Amino acid sequence: MAAVTYYPQPQGAWPPPYPPPPFPQAQPSGGTAITAGALALLLMAYTAWPILLIMDPLIGSCGDNCFTGVIAVGLIALPLAALLLLIGGIMVFVRTIAGPVMTALGAFLVLGFLLMMVVLSGGHLGVVVLTGLVLSLPTLVLSLLPPTFTWARSKKQQQFRPY
């Protein structure tokens, strides 16, 4: 059997005599998530205007001749984006993980449609398109930030009163 030699340990060597006390975790404030949810609902209201503008020629005497590429993309993308933004915005306030994801997808659809309109118009930025860009870009960014997901994951602890 081999001899085991013990060396003297210097002061402050590992392991310490007692583990340090755990620090309480601070609850996330939810500023980014609440702002993302509010912007999602505003962006959802904004998408109603282009949907009405696209539907107007189809309701009139234009018929199938007006149902071309850009209008077809708008008729599919904008109502889908509005639905995602509405459900996602509500789910952000309920604190579910799917809320920020749905909000980001809806904002991405609106942003993609608006950028397609800018490219097809030759770079012309109207007030309506600029408003959509100003609403959709922060909504997309705030929805995907880590504090938004941290706030959605943390549920408020219910405090029960004694009888």
Protein backbone atom coordinates (compact mmCIF):
# COMPACT_ATOMS: atom_id res chain seq x y z
CA MET A 1 0.00 0.00 0.00
CA ALA A 2 1.37 3.36 -1.01
CA ALA A 3 1.88 6.08 1.54
CA VAL A 4 -0.39 9.10 1.23
CA THR A 5 1.22 12.44 1.93
CA TYR A 6 -0.95 15.31 3.09
CA TYR A 7 0.28 18.81 2.37
CA PRO A 8 -0.73 21.78 4.51
CA GLN A 9 -3.50 23.86 2.94
CA PRO A 10 -3.08 27.66 2.73
CA GLN A 11 -5.68 29.93 4.32
CA GLY A 12 -8.78 30.39 2.19
CA ALA A 13 -8.36 27.06 0.43
CA TRP A 14 -11.23 25.26 -1.18
CA PRO A 15 -13.74 24.23 0.09
CA PRO A 16 -14.79 27.18 2.23
CA PRO A 17 -16.24 26.31 5.60
CA TYR A 18 -19.80 27.41 4.65
CA PRO A 19 -21.31 28.04 1.24
CA PRO A 20 -22.27 31.64 0.53
CA PRO A 21 -25.94 32.44 1.09
CA PRO A 22 -28.02 32.37 -2.11
CA PHE A 23 -29.12 35.75 -3.38
CA PRO A 24 -32.81 36.13 -4.17
CA GLN A 25 -33.52 36.35 -7.87
CA ALA A 26 -35.07 39.63 -8.90
CA GLN A 27 -38.32 39.38 -10.80
CA PRO A 28 -38.04 40.72 -14.37
CA SER A 29 -39.85 44.01 -14.81
CA GLY A 30 -41.44 43.19 -18.16
CA GLY A 31 -40.85 46.58 -19.78
CA THR A 32 -39.72 45.12 -23.11
CA ALA A 33 -42.49 42.52 -23.15
CA ILE A 34 -45.26 44.98 -22.32
CA THR A 35 -43.95 47.41 -24.93
CA ALA A 36 -43.75 44.60 -27.51
CA GLY A 37 -47.33 43.57 -26.73
CA ALA A 38 -48.63 47.13 -26.99
CA LEU A 39 -46.77 47.70 -30.26
CA ALA A 40 -48.12 44.40 -31.58
CA LEU A 41 -51.68 45.52 -30.95
CA LEU A 42 -50.97 48.90 -32.58
CA LEU A 43 -49.40 47.17 -35.58
CA MET A 44 -52.44 44.89 -35.80
CA ALA A 45 -54.67 47.94 -35.99
CA TYR A 46 -52.33 49.41 -38.62
CA THR A 47 -52.67 46.33 -40.87
CA ALA A 48 -56.42 46.91 -41.16
CA TRP A 49 -55.82 49.96 -43.39
CA PRO A 50 -53.82 48.15 -46.14
CA ILE A 51 -56.27 45.25 -46.02
CA LEU A 52 -59.11 47.67 -46.72
CA LEU A 53 -57.14 49.32 -49.52
CA ILE A 54 -56.46 45.95 -51.14
CA MET A 55 -60.06 44.76 -50.78
CA ASP A 56 -61.58 47.91 -52.27
CA PRO A 57 -60.85 47.13 -55.97
CA LEU A 58 -61.87 43.50 -55.51
CA ILE A 59 -65.28 44.46 -54.16
CA GLY A 60 -65.88 46.87 -57.04
CA SER A 61 -66.18 45.97 -60.72
CA CYS A 62 -62.54 44.92 -61.13
CA GLY A 63 -63.13 41.21 -60.49
CA ASP A 64 -60.40 38.65 -61.18
CA ASN A 65 -58.29 41.07 -63.26
CA CYS A 66 -57.18 42.91 -60.11
CA PHE A 67 -56.19 39.74 -58.28
CA THR A 68 -52.52 39.91 -59.30
CA GLY A 69 -49.26 39.05 -57.50
CA VAL A 70 -48.86 41.95 -55.09
CA ILE A 71 -52.53 42.05 -54.21
CA ALA A 72 -52.61 38.27 -53.74
CA VAL A 73 -49.59 38.43 -51.43
CA GLY A 74 -51.22 41.25 -49.48
CA LEU A 75 -54.51 39.39 -49.18
CA ILE A 76 -52.72 36.40 -47.71
CA ALA A 77 -49.90 38.01 -45.69
CA LEU A 78 -51.68 40.94 -44.06
CA PRO A 79 -54.70 39.13 -42.56
CA LEU A 80 -52.39 36.35 -41.37
CA ALA A 81 -50.06 38.96 -39.84
CA ALA A 82 -53.01 40.72 -38.19
CA LEU A 83 -54.20 37.44 -36.69
CA LEU A 84 -50.70 36.57 -35.43
CA LEU A 85 -50.26 40.05 -33.96
CA LEU A 86 -53.64 39.99 -32.22
CA ILE A 87 -53.21 36.54 -30.68
CA GLY A 88 -49.51 37.11 -29.95
CA GLY A 89 -50.10 40.51 -28.37
CA ILE A 90 -52.73 39.07 -26.04
CA MET A 91 -50.55 36.06 -25.23
CA VAL A 92 -47.64 38.36 -24.31
CA PHE A 93 -49.79 39.93 -21.62
CA VAL A 94 -50.82 36.46 -20.40
CA ARG A 95 -47.10 35.57 -20.13
CA THR A 96 -46.82 32.63 -22.47
CA ILE A 97 -43.72 31.80 -24.50
CA ALA A 98 -45.74 31.58 -27.71
CA GLY A 99 -46.79 35.23 -27.40
CA PRO A 100 -43.47 36.87 -28.32
CA VAL A 101 -42.88 34.26 -31.04
CA MET A 102 -46.26 34.94 -32.67
CA THR A 103 -45.74 38.68 -32.31
CA ALA A 104 -42.34 38.45 -34.00
CA LEU A 105 -43.76 36.35 -36.85
CA GLY A 106 -46.59 38.83 -37.43
CA ALA A 107 -44.23 41.80 -37.36
CA PHE A 108 -41.91 39.98 -39.76
CA LEU A 109 -44.77 39.40 -42.21
CA VAL A 110 -45.78 43.07 -42.10
CA LEU A 111 -42.16 44.20 -42.45
CA GLY A 112 -41.61 41.86 -45.41
CA PHE A 113 -44.76 43.07 -47.16
CA LEU A 114 -43.86 46.72 -46.62
CA LEU A 115 -40.32 46.21 -47.89
CA MET A 116 -41.72 44.45 -50.95
CA MET A 117 -43.97 47.46 -51.56
CA VAL A 118 -41.00 49.84 -51.22
CA VAL A 119 -38.95 47.82 -53.71
CA LEU A 120 -41.82 47.59 -56.20
CA SER A 121 -42.56 51.30 -55.95
CA GLY A 122 -38.98 52.21 -56.81
CA GLY A 123 -37.93 53.23 -53.30
CA HIS A 124 -40.83 55.58 -52.65
CA LEU A 125 -41.59 55.80 -48.92
CA GLY A 126 -45.05 57.12 -48.30
CA VAL A 127 -46.39 58.12 -44.91
CA VAL A 128 -48.38 54.90 -44.58
CA VAL A 129 -45.37 52.71 -45.43
CA LEU A 130 -43.09 54.72 -43.15
CA THR A 131 -45.57 54.39 -40.29
CA GLY A 132 -45.68 50.64 -40.83
CA LEU A 133 -41.90 50.41 -40.81
CA VAL A 134 -41.69 52.49 -37.64
CA LEU A 135 -44.20 50.19 -35.93
CA SER A 136 -43.05 46.82 -37.25
CA LEU A 137 -39.30 47.12 -36.73
CA PRO A 138 -39.38 47.85 -32.96
CA THR A 139 -42.11 45.25 -32.51
CA LEU A 140 -39.92 42.62 -34.16
CA VAL A 141 -36.82 43.59 -32.18
CA LEU A 142 -38.55 43.89 -28.79
CA SER A 143 -40.34 40.58 -29.28
CA LEU A 144 -37.08 38.72 -29.81
CA LEU A 145 -35.06 40.27 -26.97
CA PRO A 146 -34.10 37.90 -24.11
CA PRO A 147 -35.81 40.00 -21.36
CA THR A 148 -39.13 39.49 -23.16
CA PHE A 149 -38.77 35.71 -22.95
CA THR A 150 -37.47 35.92 -19.36
CA TRP A 151 -40.56 37.88 -18.35
CA ALA A 152 -42.83 35.45 -20.20
CA ARG A 153 -41.23 32.46 -18.43
CA SER A 154 -41.49 33.94 -14.96
CA LYS A 155 -44.95 33.57 -13.55
CA LYS A 156 -46.05 35.62 -10.60
CA GLN A 157 -46.14 33.53 -7.46
CA GLN A 158 -49.58 33.49 -5.98
CA GLN A 159 -49.57 34.59 -2.39
CA PHE A 160 -52.11 32.84 -0.28
CA ARG A 161 -53.55 34.53 2.76
CA PRO A 162 -53.92 32.56 5.95
CA TYR A 163 -57.44 32.00 7.17
